[in-house]
Amino acid sequence: QVQLVESGGGSVQAGGSLRLSCAASGYAYSSNCMAWFRQGPGKEREVVAAIYTRGGSTGYAVSVQGRFTISQDNNNYTVYLQMNSLKPEDTAMYYCAADRRRLPCSGTWGAEHRFGDWGQGTQVTVSS
């Protein structure tokens, strides 16, 4: 059974940092596109960052560039999202997603429909 389990969410003040983790089990995402999405209150789900697990190429939403960093640990199929300089508008449920096809992220790295595996989410709340 394939599972993606997120952890690391919480409540922080603006300017603070959090590190989210996404632990994968049941499938070896060794050459796959994995991503973090988020959905804020009253908003649609949007992509935050993505990584191709073979080689580590990454992509970021404009709103988080320079503040967030996506990384991986292929020894245990875990993907991280380091979030610095957090803002109240970063408040959202954060989801880990993975595409089981052995394909790089390329131009569709932000396309929600390409990701068939999803975690349950972890809440991030940033207060001003």
C-alpha atoms as a PDB file:
ATOM      1  CA  GLN A   1       0.000   0.000   0.000  1.00  0.00           C
ATOM      2  CA  VAL A   2       1.438   3.330  -1.099  1.00  0.00           C
ATOM      3  CA  GLN A   3       1.427   6.028   1.538  1.00  0.00           C
ATOM      4  CA  LEU A   4       2.663   9.595   1.759  1.00  0.00           C
ATOM      5  CA  VAL A   5       2.752  10.907   5.301  1.00  0.00           C
ATOM      6  CA  GLU A   6       3.402  14.564   5.995  1.00  0.00           C
ATOM      7  CA  SER A   7       4.697  15.977   9.257  1.00  0.00           C
ATOM      8  CA  GLY A   8       6.271  19.119  10.630  1.00  0.00           C
ATOM      9  CA  GLY A   9       3.397  21.559  10.422  1.00  0.00           C
ATOM     10  CA  GLY A  10       2.510  23.890  13.251  1.00  0.00           C
ATOM     11  CA  SER A  11       1.947  27.469  14.305  1.00  0.00           C
ATOM     12  CA  VAL A  12       4.649  30.099  14.017  1.00  0.00           C
ATOM     13  CA  GLN A  13       4.914  33.854  13.988  1.00  0.00           C
ATOM     14  CA  ALA A  14       5.655  35.758  10.832  1.00  0.00           C
ATOM     15  CA  GLY A  15       9.328  35.576   9.985  1.00  0.00           C
ATOM     16  CA  GLY A  16       9.684  32.143  11.509  1.00  0.00           C
ATOM     17  CA  SER A  17      10.615  28.830   9.930  1.00  0.00           C
ATOM     18  CA  LEU A  18       9.221  25.344   9.638  1.00  0.00           C
ATOM     19  CA  ARG A  19      10.437  22.172   7.972  1.00  0.00           C
ATOM     20  CA  LEU A  20       7.874  19.834   6.515  1.00  0.00           C
ATOM     21  CA  SER A  21       8.607  16.187   5.794  1.00  0.00           C
ATOM     22  CA  CYS A  22       6.902  13.762   3.457  1.00  0.00           C
ATOM     23  CA  ALA A  23       7.730  10.131   4.128  1.00  0.00           C
ATOM     24  CA  ALA A  24       6.888   7.719   1.316  1.00  0.00           C
ATOM     25  CA  SER A  25       6.285   4.035   1.765  1.00  0.00           C
ATOM     26  CA  GLY A  26       5.063   1.241  -0.463  1.00  0.00           C
ATOM     27  CA  TYR A  27       6.716   2.636  -3.593  1.00  0.00           C
ATOM     28  CA  ALA A  28      10.246   3.661  -4.485  1.00  0.00           C
ATOM     29  CA  TYR A  29       9.997   7.166  -5.901  1.00  0.00           C
ATOM     30  CA  SER A  30      13.544   7.035  -7.220  1.00  0.00           C
ATOM     31  CA  SER A  31      12.944   8.707 -10.621  1.00  0.00           C
ATOM     32  CA  ASN A  32       9.736  10.594 -10.088  1.00  0.00           C
ATOM     33  CA  CYS A  33       8.274  14.025  -9.765  1.00  0.00           C
ATOM     34  CA  MET A  34       7.190  14.849  -6.228  1.00  0.00           C
ATOM     35  CA  ALA A  35       5.668  18.098  -5.083  1.00  0.00           C
ATOM     36  CA  TRP A  36       4.238  20.152  -2.285  1.00  0.00           C
ATOM     37  CA  PHE A  37       0.871  21.794  -2.722  1.00  0.00           C
ATOM     38  CA  ARG A  38      -1.069  23.986  -0.343  1.00  0.00           C
ATOM     39  CA  GLN A  39      -4.640  25.112   0.134  1.00  0.00           C
ATOM     40  CA  GLY A  40      -5.347  28.190   2.187  1.00  0.00           C
ATOM     41  CA  PRO A  41      -8.693  29.163   3.697  1.00  0.00           C
ATOM     42  CA  GLY A  42     -11.148  29.914   0.915  1.00  0.00           C
ATOM     43  CA  LYS A  43      -8.529  29.340  -1.756  1.00  0.00           C
ATOM     44  CA  GLU A  44      -7.891  26.746  -4.417  1.00  0.00           C
ATOM     45  CA  ARG A  45      -5.078  24.274  -4.014  1.00  0.00           C
ATOM     46  CA  GLU A  46      -1.857  25.526  -5.569  1.00  0.00           C
ATOM     47  CA  VAL A  47       1.579  24.091  -6.188  1.00  0.00           C
ATOM     48  CA  VAL A  48       4.389  25.328  -3.967  1.00  0.00           C
ATOM     49  CA  ALA A  49       7.441  23.401  -5.147  1.00  0.00           C
ATOM     50  CA  ALA A  50       8.414  20.233  -6.961  1.00  0.00           C
ATOM     51  CA  ILE A  51      11.468  18.034  -7.273  1.00  0.00           C
ATOM     52  CA  TYR A  52      12.575  15.314  -9.680  1.00  0.00           C
ATOM     53  CA  THR A  53      13.970  12.653  -7.394  1.00  0.00           C
ATOM     54  CA  ARG A  54      16.559  11.529  -9.934  1.00  0.00           C
ATOM     55  CA  GLY A  55      19.009  14.382 -10.075  1.00  0.00           C
ATOM     56  CA  GLY A  56      17.158  16.772  -7.794  1.00  0.00           C
ATOM     57  CA  SER A  57      16.025  19.441 -10.246  1.00  0.00           C
ATOM     58  CA  THR A  58      13.458  21.710  -8.645  1.00  0.00           C
ATOM     59  CA  GLY A  59      10.732  24.221  -9.420  1.00  0.00           C
ATOM     60  CA  TYR A  60       9.063  26.829  -7.224  1.00  0.00           C
ATOM     61  CA  ALA A  61       6.018  29.010  -7.247  1.00  0.00           C
ATOM     62  CA  VAL A  62       6.924  32.678  -7.581  1.00  0.00           C
ATOM     63  CA  SER A  63       5.351  33.431  -4.213  1.00  0.00           C
ATOM     64  CA  VAL A  64       7.831  31.225  -2.340  1.00  0.00           C
ATOM     65  CA  GLN A  65      11.020  31.618  -4.377  1.00  0.00           C
ATOM     66  CA  GLY A  66      13.930  32.555  -2.183  1.00  0.00           C
ATOM     67  CA  ARG A  67      12.082  31.542   0.987  1.00  0.00           C
ATOM     68  CA  PHE A  68      11.243  27.854   0.540  1.00  0.00           C
ATOM     69  CA  THR A  69      13.545  24.996  -0.392  1.00  0.00           C
ATOM     70  CA  ILE A  70      12.474  21.543  -1.487  1.00  0.00           C
ATOM     71  CA  SER A  71      14.927  18.688  -1.018  1.00  0.00           C
ATOM     72  CA  GLN A  72      15.030  14.925  -0.826  1.00  0.00           C
ATOM     73  CA  ASP A  73      16.611  12.015   0.943  1.00  0.00           C
ATOM     74  CA  ASN A  74      16.570   9.092  -1.449  1.00  0.00           C
ATOM     75  CA  ASN A  75      17.856   6.748   1.224  1.00  0.00           C
ATOM     76  CA  ASN A  76      14.433   6.737   2.824  1.00  0.00           C
ATOM     77  CA  TYR A  77      12.285   8.268   0.067  1.00  0.00           C
ATOM     78  CA  THR A  78      11.558  11.409   2.032  1.00  0.00           C
ATOM     79  CA  VAL A  79      10.965  14.850   0.593  1.00  0.00           C
ATOM     80  CA  TYR A  80      11.337  17.992   2.668  1.00  0.00           C
ATOM     81  CA  LEU A  81      10.106  21.547   2.427  1.00  0.00           C
ATOM     82  CA  GLN A  82      12.167  24.056   4.357  1.00  0.00           C
ATOM     83  CA  MET A  83      10.105  27.203   4.832  1.00  0.00           C
ATOM     84  CA  ASN A  84      11.824  30.377   5.984  1.00  0.00           C
ATOM     85  CA  SER A  85      10.622  33.950   6.386  1.00  0.00           C
ATOM     86  CA  LEU A  86       7.074  32.729   6.706  1.00  0.00           C
ATOM     87  CA  LYS A  87       4.231  35.147   6.080  1.00  0.00           C
ATOM     88  CA  PRO A  88       0.598  35.058   7.206  1.00  0.00           C
ATOM     89  CA  GLU A  89      -0.392  34.356   3.608  1.00  0.00           C
ATOM     90  CA  ASP A  90       1.543  31.074   3.806  1.00  0.00           C
ATOM     91  CA  THR A  91      -1.121  29.792   6.182  1.00  0.00           C
ATOM     92  CA  ALA A  92      -2.575  26.674   4.580  1.00  0.00           C
ATOM     93  CA  MET A  93      -2.890  22.936   4.650  1.00  0.00           C
ATOM     94  CA  TYR A  94       0.219  21.580   2.961  1.00  0.00           C
ATOM     95  CA  TYR A  95       0.022  18.386   0.937  1.00  0.00           C
ATOM     96  CA  CYS A  96       2.695  16.107  -0.437  1.00  0.00           C
ATOM     97  CA  ALA A  97       2.029  14.637  -3.871  1.00  0.00           C
ATOM     98  CA  ALA A  98       3.810  12.147  -6.101  1.00  0.00           C
ATOM     99  CA  ASP A  99       3.619  10.955  -9.671  1.00  0.00           C
ATOM    100  CA  ARG A 100       4.407   7.234 -10.014  1.00  0.00           C
ATOM    101  CA  ARG A 101       5.400   7.552 -13.639  1.00  0.00           C
ATOM    102  CA  ARG A 102       9.171   7.512 -14.086  1.00  0.00           C
ATOM    103  CA  LEU A 103       9.217  10.981 -15.645  1.00  0.00           C
ATOM    104  CA  PRO A 104      10.882  14.291 -14.787  1.00  0.00           C
ATOM    105  CA  CYS A 105       8.737  17.167 -13.594  1.00  0.00           C
ATOM    106  CA  SER A 106       9.355  19.255 -16.756  1.00  0.00           C
ATOM    107  CA  GLY A 107       6.682  21.683 -17.859  1.00  0.00           C
ATOM    108  CA  THR A 108       3.843  20.047 -15.963  1.00  0.00           C
ATOM    109  CA  TRP A 109       5.490  20.202 -12.561  1.00  0.00           C
ATOM    110  CA  GLY A 110       2.706  22.362 -11.221  1.00  0.00           C
ATOM    111  CA  ALA A 111      -0.187  20.441 -12.733  1.00  0.00           C
ATOM    112  CA  GLU A 112      -2.272  18.927  -9.990  1.00  0.00           C
ATOM    113  CA  HIS A 113      -3.760  16.285 -12.297  1.00  0.00           C
ATOM    114  CA  ARG A 114      -0.411  14.553 -12.909  1.00  0.00           C
ATOM    115  CA  PHE A 115      -0.060  13.517  -9.285  1.00  0.00           C
ATOM    116  CA  GLY A 116      -1.909  10.371  -8.338  1.00  0.00           C
ATOM    117  CA  ASP A 117      -0.555   9.851  -4.831  1.00  0.00           C
ATOM    118  CA  TRP A 118      -1.407  12.324  -2.091  1.00  0.00           C
ATOM    119  CA  GLY A 119      -0.836  12.626   1.617  1.00  0.00           C
ATOM    120  CA  GLN A 120      -3.405  13.725   4.164  1.00  0.00           C
ATOM    121  CA  GLY A 121      -1.820  17.110   4.718  1.00  0.00           C
ATOM    122  CA  THR A 122      -0.210  19.027   7.546  1.00  0.00           C
ATOM    123  CA  GLN A 123      -1.459  22.398   8.764  1.00  0.00           C
ATOM    124  CA  VAL A 124       0.772  25.468   8.771  1.00  0.00           C
ATOM    125  CA  THR A 125      -0.474  28.586  10.528  1.00  0.00           C
ATOM    126  CA  VAL A 126       1.490  31.831  10.446  1.00  0.00           C
ATOM    127  CA  SER A 127       0.412  34.659  12.715  1.00  0.00           C
ATOM    128  CA  SER A 128       1.313  38.299  12.266  1.00  0.00           C
END
